[in-house]
C-alpha atoms as a PDB file:
ATOM      1  CA  UNK A   1      52.191 113.481  25.393  1.00  0.00           C
ATOM      2  CA  UNK A   2      53.248 116.391  27.582  1.00  0.00           C
ATOM      3  CA  UNK A   3      54.264 119.724  26.183  1.00  0.00           C
ATOM      4  CA  UNK A   4      57.226 121.249  27.978  1.00  0.00           C
ATOM      5  CA  UNK A   5      58.084 124.874  28.494  1.00  0.00           C
ATOM      6  CA  UNK A   6      59.098 126.379  25.162  1.00  0.00           C
ATOM      7  CA  UNK A   7      62.504 128.027  25.019  1.00  0.00           C
ATOM      8  CA  UNK A   8      64.402 129.201  21.962  1.00  0.00           C
ATOM      9  CA  UNK A   9      66.872 126.317  22.240  1.00  0.00           C
ATOM     10  CA  UNK A  10      64.166 123.736  22.882  1.00  0.00           C
ATOM     11  CA  UNK A  11      62.250 124.905  19.805  1.00  0.00           C
ATOM     12  CA  UNK A  12      65.439 124.976  17.723  1.00  0.00           C
ATOM     13  CA  UNK A  13      66.320 121.414  18.783  1.00  0.00           C
ATOM     14  CA  UNK A  14      62.763 120.174  18.305  1.00  0.00           C
ATOM     15  CA  UNK A  15      62.635 121.673  14.791  1.00  0.00           C
ATOM     16  CA  UNK A  16      65.923 119.949  13.953  1.00  0.00           C
ATOM     17  CA  UNK A  17      64.634 116.619  15.295  1.00  0.00           C
ATOM     18  CA  UNK A  18      61.344 117.049  13.378  1.00  0.00           C
ATOM     19  CA  UNK A  19      63.321 117.539  10.173  1.00  0.00           C
ATOM     20  CA  UNK A  20      64.914 114.097  10.733  1.00  0.00           C
ATOM     21  CA  UNK A  21      62.006 111.776  11.652  1.00  0.00           C
ATOM     22  CA  UNK A  22      62.945 108.150  12.178  1.00  0.00           C
ATOM     23  CA  UNK A  23      66.671 108.927  12.159  1.00  0.00           C
ATOM     24  CA  UNK A  24      68.705 107.794  15.161  1.00  0.00           C
ATOM     25  CA  UNK A  25      71.228 110.437  16.222  1.00  0.00           C
ATOM     26  CA  UNK A  26      73.589 110.826  19.139  1.00  0.00           C
ATOM     27  CA  UNK A  27      73.714 114.104  21.029  1.00  0.00           C
ATOM     28  CA  UNK A  28      77.154 114.639  19.485  1.00  0.00           C
ATOM     29  CA  UNK A  29      75.729 114.176  15.980  1.00  0.00           C
ATOM     30  CA  UNK A  30      72.993 116.659  16.764  1.00  0.00           C
ATOM     31  CA  UNK A  31      75.421 119.250  18.173  1.00  0.00           C
ATOM     32  CA  UNK A  32      77.706 118.972  15.139  1.00  0.00           C
ATOM     33  CA  UNK A  33      74.880 119.268  12.624  1.00  0.00           C
ATOM     34  CA  UNK A  34      73.252 122.171  14.417  1.00  0.00           C
ATOM     35  CA  UNK A  35      76.565 124.048  14.670  1.00  0.00           C
ATOM     36  CA  UNK A  36      77.169 123.368  10.953  1.00  0.00           C
ATOM     37  CA  UNK A  37      73.831 125.090  10.312  1.00  0.00           C
ATOM     38  CA  UNK A  38      74.803 128.167  12.347  1.00  0.00           C
ATOM     39  CA  UNK A  39      73.294 127.312  15.711  1.00  0.00           C
ATOM     40  CA  UNK A  40      74.998 128.490  18.889  1.00  0.00           C
ATOM     41  CA  UNK A  41      73.295 125.894  21.112  1.00  0.00           C
ATOM     42  CA  UNK A  42      75.717 124.380  23.614  1.00  0.00           C
ATOM     43  CA  UNK A  43      76.379 120.695  24.180  1.00  0.00           C
ATOM     44  CA  UNK A  44      75.026 120.737  27.757  1.00  0.00           C
ATOM     45  CA  UNK A  45      71.857 122.435  26.523  1.00  0.00           C
ATOM     46  CA  UNK A  46      71.386 119.776  23.833  1.00  0.00           C
ATOM     47  CA  UNK A  47      71.690 116.978  26.405  1.00  0.00           C
ATOM     48  CA  UNK A  48      69.338 118.735  28.842  1.00  0.00           C
ATOM     49  CA  UNK A  49      66.743 119.509  26.175  1.00  0.00           C
ATOM     50  CA  UNK A  50      66.921 115.979  24.715  1.00  0.00           C
ATOM     51  CA  UNK A  51      66.135 114.524  28.141  1.00  0.00           C
ATOM     52  CA  UNK A  52      63.171 116.890  28.462  1.00  0.00           C
ATOM     53  CA  UNK A  53      61.928 115.877  24.997  1.00  0.00           C
ATOM     54  CA  UNK A  54      62.225 112.226  26.035  1.00  0.00           C
ATOM     55  CA  UNK A  55      60.271 112.970  29.233  1.00  0.00           C
ATOM     56  CA  UNK A  56      57.635 114.779  27.156  1.00  0.00           C
ATOM     57  CA  UNK A  57      57.242 111.754  24.857  1.00  0.00           C
ATOM     58  CA  UNK A  58      58.414 113.564  21.724  1.00  0.00           C
ATOM     59  CA  UNK A  59      61.714 111.727  21.359  1.00  0.00           C
ATOM     60  CA  UNK A  60      62.760 108.127  22.053  1.00  0.00           C
ATOM     61  CA  UNK A  61      66.099 107.408  23.682  1.00  0.00           C
ATOM     62  CA  UNK A  62      67.958 104.174  22.983  1.00  0.00           C
ATOM     63  CA  UNK A  63      70.940 102.897  24.942  1.00  0.00           C
ATOM     64  CA  UNK A  64      72.023  99.871  22.972  1.00  0.00           C
ATOM     65  CA  UNK A  65      75.226  98.882  24.731  1.00  0.00           C
ATOM     66  CA  UNK A  66      77.721 100.267  27.220  1.00  0.00           C
ATOM     67  CA  UNK A  67      80.258 101.119  24.532  1.00  0.00           C
ATOM     68  CA  UNK A  68      77.914 103.273  22.465  1.00  0.00           C
ATOM     69  CA  UNK A  69      76.432 106.710  22.958  1.00  0.00           C
ATOM     70  CA  UNK A  70      72.699 106.945  23.474  1.00  0.00           C
ATOM     71  CA  UNK A  71      70.704 107.486  20.286  1.00  0.00           C
ATOM     72  CA  UNK A  72      67.672 109.750  20.020  1.00  0.00           C
ATOM     73  CA  UNK A  73      64.817 109.548  17.543  1.00  0.00           C
ATOM     74  CA  UNK A  74      61.990 112.022  16.938  1.00  0.00           C
ATOM     75  CA  UNK A  75      58.610 110.318  16.932  1.00  0.00           C
ATOM     76  CA  UNK A  76      56.014 112.161  14.828  1.00  0.00           C
ATOM     77  CA  UNK A  77      52.624 112.213  16.541  1.00  0.00           C
ATOM     78  CA  UNK A  78      50.611 109.119  15.672  1.00  0.00           C
ATOM     79  CA  UNK A  79      53.573 107.358  14.080  1.00  0.00           C
ATOM     80  CA  UNK A  80      55.824 104.480  15.113  1.00  0.00           C
ATOM     81  CA  UNK A  81      57.093 104.526  18.644  1.00  0.00           C
ATOM     82  CA  UNK A  82      58.823 101.420  19.882  1.00  0.00           C
ATOM     83  CA  UNK A  83      57.336 101.453  23.358  1.00  0.00           C
ATOM     84  CA  UNK A  84      59.322  98.296  24.042  1.00  0.00           C
ATOM     85  CA  UNK A  85      57.543  96.295  21.338  1.00  0.00           C
ATOM     86  CA  UNK A  86      60.171  95.995  18.634  1.00  0.00           C
ATOM     87  CA  UNK A  87      63.635  94.572  18.310  1.00  0.00           C
ATOM     88  CA  UNK A  88      66.551  96.478  16.826  1.00  0.00           C
ATOM     89  CA  UNK A  89      69.262  95.860  14.265  1.00  0.00           C
ATOM     90  CA  UNK A  90      72.574  97.690  14.616  1.00  0.00           C
ATOM     91  CA  UNK A  91      74.978  97.987  11.716  1.00  0.00           C
ATOM     92  CA  UNK A  92      78.555  97.386  12.797  1.00  0.00           C
ATOM     93  CA  UNK A  93      79.724  99.339   9.746  1.00  0.00           C
ATOM     94  CA  UNK A  94      77.955 102.681  10.024  1.00  0.00           C
ATOM     95  CA  UNK A  95      76.279 102.367  13.426  1.00  0.00           C
ATOM     96  CA  UNK A  96      72.766 102.762  12.005  1.00  0.00           C
ATOM     97  CA  UNK A  97      70.005 101.559  14.331  1.00  0.00           C
ATOM     98  CA  UNK A  98      67.019  99.969  12.594  1.00  0.00           C
ATOM     99  CA  UNK A  99      63.642  99.069  14.105  1.00  0.00           C
ATOM    100  CA  UNK A 100      62.616  95.492  13.455  1.00  0.00           C
ATOM    101  CA  UNK A 101      58.969  94.556  13.701  1.00  0.00           C
ATOM    102  CA  UNK A 102      58.631  91.112  12.223  1.00  0.00           C
ATOM    103  CA  UNK A 103      56.053  88.395  12.787  1.00  0.00           C
ATOM    104  CA  UNK A 104      58.709  85.688  12.579  1.00  0.00           C
ATOM    105  CA  UNK A 105      60.787  87.294  15.331  1.00  0.00           C
ATOM    106  CA  UNK A 106      57.594  87.716  17.363  1.00  0.00           C
ATOM    107  CA  UNK A 107      56.920  83.984  16.911  1.00  0.00           C
ATOM    108  CA  UNK A 108      60.467  83.169  18.059  1.00  0.00           C
ATOM    109  CA  UNK A 109      59.985  85.398  21.096  1.00  0.00           C
ATOM    110  CA  UNK A 110      56.689  83.654  21.854  1.00  0.00           C
ATOM    111  CA  UNK A 111      58.344  80.221  21.469  1.00  0.00           C
ATOM    112  CA  UNK A 112      61.160  81.185  23.849  1.00  0.00           C
ATOM    113  CA  UNK A 113      58.630  82.338  26.424  1.00  0.00           C
ATOM    114  CA  UNK A 114      56.330  79.342  26.092  1.00  0.00           C
ATOM    115  CA  UNK A 115      58.848  76.524  25.656  1.00  0.00           C
ATOM    116  CA  UNK A 116      61.818  77.861  27.588  1.00  0.00           C
ATOM    117  CA  UNK A 117      60.176  80.000  30.267  1.00  0.00           C
ATOM    118  CA  UNK A 118      62.216  83.054  29.359  1.00  0.00           C
ATOM    119  CA  UNK A 119      60.906  86.524  28.592  1.00  0.00           C
ATOM    120  CA  UNK A 120      62.932  88.622  26.171  1.00  0.00           C
ATOM    121  CA  UNK A 121      62.916  92.398  26.483  1.00  0.00           C
ATOM    122  CA  UNK A 122      62.532  93.449  22.812  1.00  0.00           C
ATOM    123  CA  UNK A 123      63.434  97.065  23.531  1.00  0.00           C
ATOM    124  CA  UNK A 124      66.869  95.982  24.751  1.00  0.00           C
ATOM    125  CA  UNK A 125      67.452  93.180  22.258  1.00  0.00           C
ATOM    126  CA  UNK A 126      69.787  94.101  19.426  1.00  0.00           C
ATOM    127  CA  UNK A 127      70.947  92.008  16.491  1.00  0.00           C
ATOM    128  CA  UNK A 128      74.354  93.100  15.215  1.00  0.00           C
ATOM    129  CA  UNK A 129      75.390  92.789  11.593  1.00  0.00           C
ATOM    130  CA  UNK A 130      75.758  94.762   8.373  1.00  0.00           C
ATOM    131  CA  UNK A 131      73.054  96.983   6.868  1.00  0.00           C
ATOM    132  CA  UNK A 132      72.112  96.847   3.204  1.00  0.00           C
ATOM    133  CA  UNK A 133      73.946 100.110   2.428  1.00  0.00           C
ATOM    134  CA  UNK A 134      77.229  98.952   3.997  1.00  0.00           C
ATOM    135  CA  UNK A 135      76.938  95.513   2.399  1.00  0.00           C
ATOM    136  CA  UNK A 136      76.553  97.081  -1.058  1.00  0.00           C
ATOM    137  CA  UNK A 137      79.680  99.209  -0.461  1.00  0.00           C
ATOM    138  CA  UNK A 138      81.665  96.045   0.345  1.00  0.00           C
ATOM    139  CA  UNK A 139      80.768  94.373  -2.961  1.00  0.00           C
END
């Protein structure tokens, strides 16, 4: 993991991301929340700093589909980082992005490769549906 040049805005953004580990947020979400907490960081600065944090290996960036904004996730040192090894679930209700590491999905992926000669890119594979929270609200 690289450590980029520390600026006030970079540190402010990194502290905000650290306070939300494992949460997937768009740059717009981040800007809104930071402004709500009194930050004067600009939108362009957030985008620029997020890309630097991605380059430095501190934040993962997910582009799930063309119609959605990129999501960013802080990865605490030594903790889960997808690195292209897990599938994702996306809630059509709230937009939540969930990591899915499951032996049964891995077995399906292996079967598809072995028996059908097709390699799936887990990092780009998304299952759409309804999360537990949204499903409970519907009941």
